[in-house]
Amino acid sequence: WFISETDKQRILKVVFIRTESQIIIKTAYDPNAEELRIYRKYA
């Protein structure tokens, strides 16, 4: 997963699965405070 900002400045957590031939987006939603903390620390 990763966290990114949309064109309209909305912050989303995007969850995906990577296979040998594709990347599949499973879901995207507003991240909670802990997810933001983790992403900012390790990304």
PDB file of N, CA and C in Angstrom:
ATOM      1  N   TRP A   1       0.835  -1.189   0.000  1.00  0.00           N
ATOM      2  CA  TRP A   1       0.000   0.000   0.000  1.00  0.00           C
ATOM      3  C   TRP A   1       0.865   1.231   0.000  1.00  0.00           C
ATOM      4  N   PHE A   2       0.232   2.327  -0.404  1.00  0.00           N
ATOM      5  CA  PHE A   2       0.897   3.623  -0.359  1.00  0.00           C
ATOM      6  C   PHE A   2      -0.157   4.690  -0.099  1.00  0.00           C
ATOM      7  N   ILE A   3       0.306   5.864   0.277  1.00  0.00           N
ATOM      8  CA  ILE A   3      -0.584   6.995   0.515  1.00  0.00           C
ATOM      9  C   ILE A   3      -0.196   8.090  -0.464  1.00  0.00           C
ATOM     10  N   SER A   4      -1.221   8.676  -1.080  1.00  0.00           N
ATOM     11  CA  SER A   4      -0.964   9.721  -2.065  1.00  0.00           C
ATOM     12  C   SER A   4      -2.101  10.729  -2.061  1.00  0.00           C
ATOM     13  N   GLU A   5      -1.820  11.870  -2.658  1.00  0.00           N
ATOM     14  CA  GLU A   5      -2.815  12.934  -2.757  1.00  0.00           C
ATOM     15  C   GLU A   5      -3.407  12.939  -4.164  1.00  0.00           C
ATOM     16  N   THR A   6      -4.722  13.120  -4.254  1.00  0.00           N
ATOM     17  CA  THR A   6      -5.391  13.191  -5.551  1.00  0.00           C
ATOM     18  C   THR A   6      -5.221  14.578  -6.162  1.00  0.00           C
ATOM     19  N   ASP A   7      -5.703  14.736  -7.374  1.00  0.00           N
ATOM     20  CA  ASP A   7      -5.668  16.041  -8.046  1.00  0.00           C
ATOM     21  C   ASP A   7      -6.461  17.096  -7.283  1.00  0.00           C
ATOM     22  N   LYS A   8      -7.426  16.640  -6.487  1.00  0.00           N
ATOM     23  CA  LYS A   8      -8.258  17.569  -5.704  1.00  0.00           C
ATOM     24  C   LYS A   8      -7.813  17.647  -4.245  1.00  0.00           C
ATOM     25  N   GLN A   9      -6.556  17.268  -3.985  1.00  0.00           N
ATOM     26  CA  GLN A   9      -5.910  17.364  -2.673  1.00  0.00           C
ATOM     27  C   GLN A   9      -6.537  16.458  -1.605  1.00  0.00           C
ATOM     28  N   ARG A  10      -7.170  15.383  -2.011  1.00  0.00           N
ATOM     29  CA  ARG A  10      -7.677  14.400  -1.050  1.00  0.00           C
ATOM     30  C   ARG A  10      -6.582  13.359  -0.833  1.00  0.00           C
ATOM     31  N   ILE A  11      -6.293  13.032   0.420  1.00  0.00           N
ATOM     32  CA  ILE A  11      -5.267  12.044   0.745  1.00  0.00           C
ATOM     33  C   ILE A  11      -5.937  10.676   0.846  1.00  0.00           C
ATOM     34  N   LEU A  12      -5.384   9.685   0.099  1.00  0.00           N
ATOM     35  CA  LEU A  12      -5.944   8.340   0.085  1.00  0.00           C
ATOM     36  C   LEU A  12      -4.868   7.301   0.359  1.00  0.00           C
ATOM     37  N   LYS A  13      -5.262   6.233   1.032  1.00  0.00           N
ATOM     38  CA  LYS A  13      -4.431   5.041   1.151  1.00  0.00           C
ATOM     39  C   LYS A  13      -4.881   4.105   0.038  1.00  0.00           C
ATOM     40  N   VAL A  14      -3.956   3.681  -0.803  1.00  0.00           N
ATOM     41  CA  VAL A  14      -4.258   2.806  -1.930  1.00  0.00           C
ATOM     42  C   VAL A  14      -3.636   1.443  -1.646  1.00  0.00           C
ATOM     43  N   VAL A  15      -4.475   0.411  -1.679  1.00  0.00           N
ATOM     44  CA  VAL A  15      -4.020  -0.956  -1.422  1.00  0.00           C
ATOM     45  C   VAL A  15      -4.032  -1.705  -2.754  1.00  0.00           C
ATOM     46  N   PHE A  16      -2.912  -2.377  -3.068  1.00  0.00           N
ATOM     47  CA  PHE A  16      -2.806  -3.053  -4.359  1.00  0.00           C
ATOM     48  C   PHE A  16      -2.125  -4.404  -4.201  1.00  0.00           C
ATOM     49  N   ILE A  17      -2.305  -5.238  -5.225  1.00  0.00           N
ATOM     50  CA  ILE A  17      -1.626  -6.531  -5.318  1.00  0.00           C
ATOM     51  C   ILE A  17      -0.833  -6.518  -6.616  1.00  0.00           C
ATOM     52  N   ARG A  18       0.440  -6.899  -6.520  1.00  0.00           N
ATOM     53  CA  ARG A  18       1.284  -6.961  -7.710  1.00  0.00           C
ATOM     54  C   ARG A  18       1.485  -8.426  -8.079  1.00  0.00           C
ATOM     55  N   THR A  19       1.161  -8.792  -9.310  1.00  0.00           N
ATOM     56  CA  THR A  19       1.427 -10.129  -9.825  1.00  0.00           C
ATOM     57  C   THR A  19       2.591 -10.018 -10.804  1.00  0.00           C
ATOM     58  N   GLU A  20       2.907 -11.113 -11.452  1.00  0.00           N
ATOM     59  CA  GLU A  20       4.005 -11.074 -12.427  1.00  0.00           C
ATOM     60  C   GLU A  20       3.705 -10.149 -13.597  1.00  0.00           C
ATOM     61  N   SER A  21       2.429 -10.024 -13.953  1.00  0.00           N
ATOM     62  CA  SER A  21       2.100  -9.266 -15.160  1.00  0.00           C
ATOM     63  C   SER A  21       1.206  -8.048 -14.947  1.00  0.00           C
ATOM     64  N   GLN A  22       0.702  -7.839 -13.719  1.00  0.00           N
ATOM     65  CA  GLN A  22      -0.212  -6.724 -13.504  1.00  0.00           C
ATOM     66  C   GLN A  22      -0.127  -6.168 -12.097  1.00  0.00           C
ATOM     67  N   ILE A  23      -0.708  -4.997 -11.964  1.00  0.00           N
ATOM     68  CA  ILE A  23      -0.924  -4.397 -10.648  1.00  0.00           C
ATOM     69  C   ILE A  23      -2.427  -4.201 -10.518  1.00  0.00           C
ATOM     70  N   ILE A  24      -3.008  -4.767  -9.464  1.00  0.00           N
ATOM     71  CA  ILE A  24      -4.451  -4.718  -9.256  1.00  0.00           C
ATOM     72  C   ILE A  24      -4.740  -3.853  -8.038  1.00  0.00           C
ATOM     73  N   ILE A  25      -5.502  -2.781  -8.227  1.00  0.00           N
ATOM     74  CA  ILE A  25      -5.904  -1.935  -7.103  1.00  0.00           C
ATOM     75  C   ILE A  25      -7.079  -2.602  -6.412  1.00  0.00           C
ATOM     76  N   LYS A  26      -6.924  -2.895  -5.122  1.00  0.00           N
ATOM     77  CA  LYS A  26      -7.977  -3.568  -4.363  1.00  0.00           C
ATOM     78  C   LYS A  26      -8.939  -2.581  -3.722  1.00  0.00           C
ATOM     79  N   THR A  27      -8.414  -1.495  -3.153  1.00  0.00           N
ATOM     80  CA  THR A  27      -9.267  -0.508  -2.493  1.00  0.00           C
ATOM     81  C   THR A  27      -8.491   0.787  -2.304  1.00  0.00           C
ATOM     82  N   ALA A  28      -9.212   1.847  -2.040  1.00  0.00           N
ATOM     83  CA  ALA A  28      -8.608   3.144  -1.718  1.00  0.00           C
ATOM     84  C   ALA A  28      -9.544   3.856  -0.755  1.00  0.00           C
ATOM     85  N   TYR A  29      -8.970   4.397   0.327  1.00  0.00           N
ATOM     86  CA  TYR A  29      -9.798   5.051   1.347  1.00  0.00           C
ATOM     87  C   TYR A  29      -8.962   6.043   2.134  1.00  0.00           C
ATOM     88  N   ASP A  30      -9.639   6.861   2.943  1.00  0.00           N
ATOM     89  CA  ASP A  30      -8.944   7.828   3.789  1.00  0.00           C
ATOM     90  C   ASP A  30      -8.093   7.087   4.818  1.00  0.00           C
ATOM     91  N   PRO A  31      -6.814   7.408   4.918  1.00  0.00           N
ATOM     92  CA  PRO A  31      -5.963   6.746   5.905  1.00  0.00           C
ATOM     93  C   PRO A  31      -6.246   7.267   7.310  1.00  0.00           C
ATOM     94  N   ASN A  32      -6.032   6.390   8.297  1.00  0.00           N
ATOM     95  CA  ASN A  32      -6.157   6.849   9.683  1.00  0.00           C
ATOM     96  C   ASN A  32      -4.811   7.425  10.139  1.00  0.00           C
ATOM     97  N   ALA A  33      -4.782   7.965  11.332  1.00  0.00           N
ATOM     98  CA  ALA A  33      -3.576   8.639  11.836  1.00  0.00           C
ATOM     99  C   ALA A  33      -2.384   7.691  11.921  1.00  0.00           C
ATOM    100  N   GLU A  34      -2.614   6.453  12.324  1.00  0.00           N
ATOM    101  CA  GLU A  34      -1.518   5.485  12.449  1.00  0.00           C
ATOM    102  C   GLU A  34      -0.937   5.131  11.075  1.00  0.00           C
ATOM    103  N   GLU A  35      -1.780   4.951  10.091  1.00  0.00           N
ATOM    104  CA  GLU A  35      -1.303   4.656   8.740  1.00  0.00           C
ATOM    105  C   GLU A  35      -0.490   5.825   8.183  1.00  0.00           C
ATOM    106  N   LEU A  36      -0.941   7.042   8.421  1.00  0.00           N
ATOM    107  CA  LEU A  36      -0.171   8.214   7.996  1.00  0.00           C
ATOM    108  C   LEU A  36       1.183   8.267   8.689  1.00  0.00           C
ATOM    109  N   ARG A  37       1.211   7.981   9.981  1.00  0.00           N
ATOM    110  CA  ARG A  37       2.469   7.994  10.733  1.00  0.00           C
ATOM    111  C   ARG A  37       3.447   6.976  10.158  1.00  0.00           C
ATOM    112  N   ILE A  38       2.973   5.756   9.919  1.00  0.00           N
ATOM    113  CA  ILE A  38       3.824   4.695   9.377  1.00  0.00           C
ATOM    114  C   ILE A  38       4.358   5.089   8.005  1.00  0.00           C
ATOM    115  N   TYR A  39       3.491   5.581   7.147  1.00  0.00           N
ATOM    116  CA  TYR A  39       3.910   5.934   5.790  1.00  0.00           C
ATOM    117  C   TYR A  39       4.934   7.065   5.806  1.00  0.00           C
ATOM    118  N   ARG A  40       4.685   8.064   6.618  1.00  0.00           N
ATOM    119  CA  ARG A  40       5.623   9.191   6.681  1.00  0.00           C
ATOM    120  C   ARG A  40       6.981   8.768   7.242  1.00  0.00           C
ATOM    121  N   LYS A  41       6.983   7.800   8.138  1.00  0.00           N
ATOM    122  CA  LYS A  41       8.239   7.352   8.739  1.00  0.00           C
ATOM    123  C   LYS A  41       9.050   6.467   7.788  1.00  0.00           C
ATOM    124  N   TYR A  42       8.385   5.564   7.054  1.00  0.00           N
ATOM    125  CA  TYR A  42       9.101   4.549   6.285  1.00  0.00           C
ATOM    126  C   TYR A  42       9.075   4.725   4.768  1.00  0.00           C
ATOM    127  N   ALA A  43       8.264   5.628   4.259  1.00  0.00           N
ATOM    128  CA  ALA A  43       8.160   5.757   2.788  1.00  0.00           C
ATOM    129  C   ALA A  43       9.322   6.524   2.206  1.00  0.00           C
TER     130      ALA A  43
END
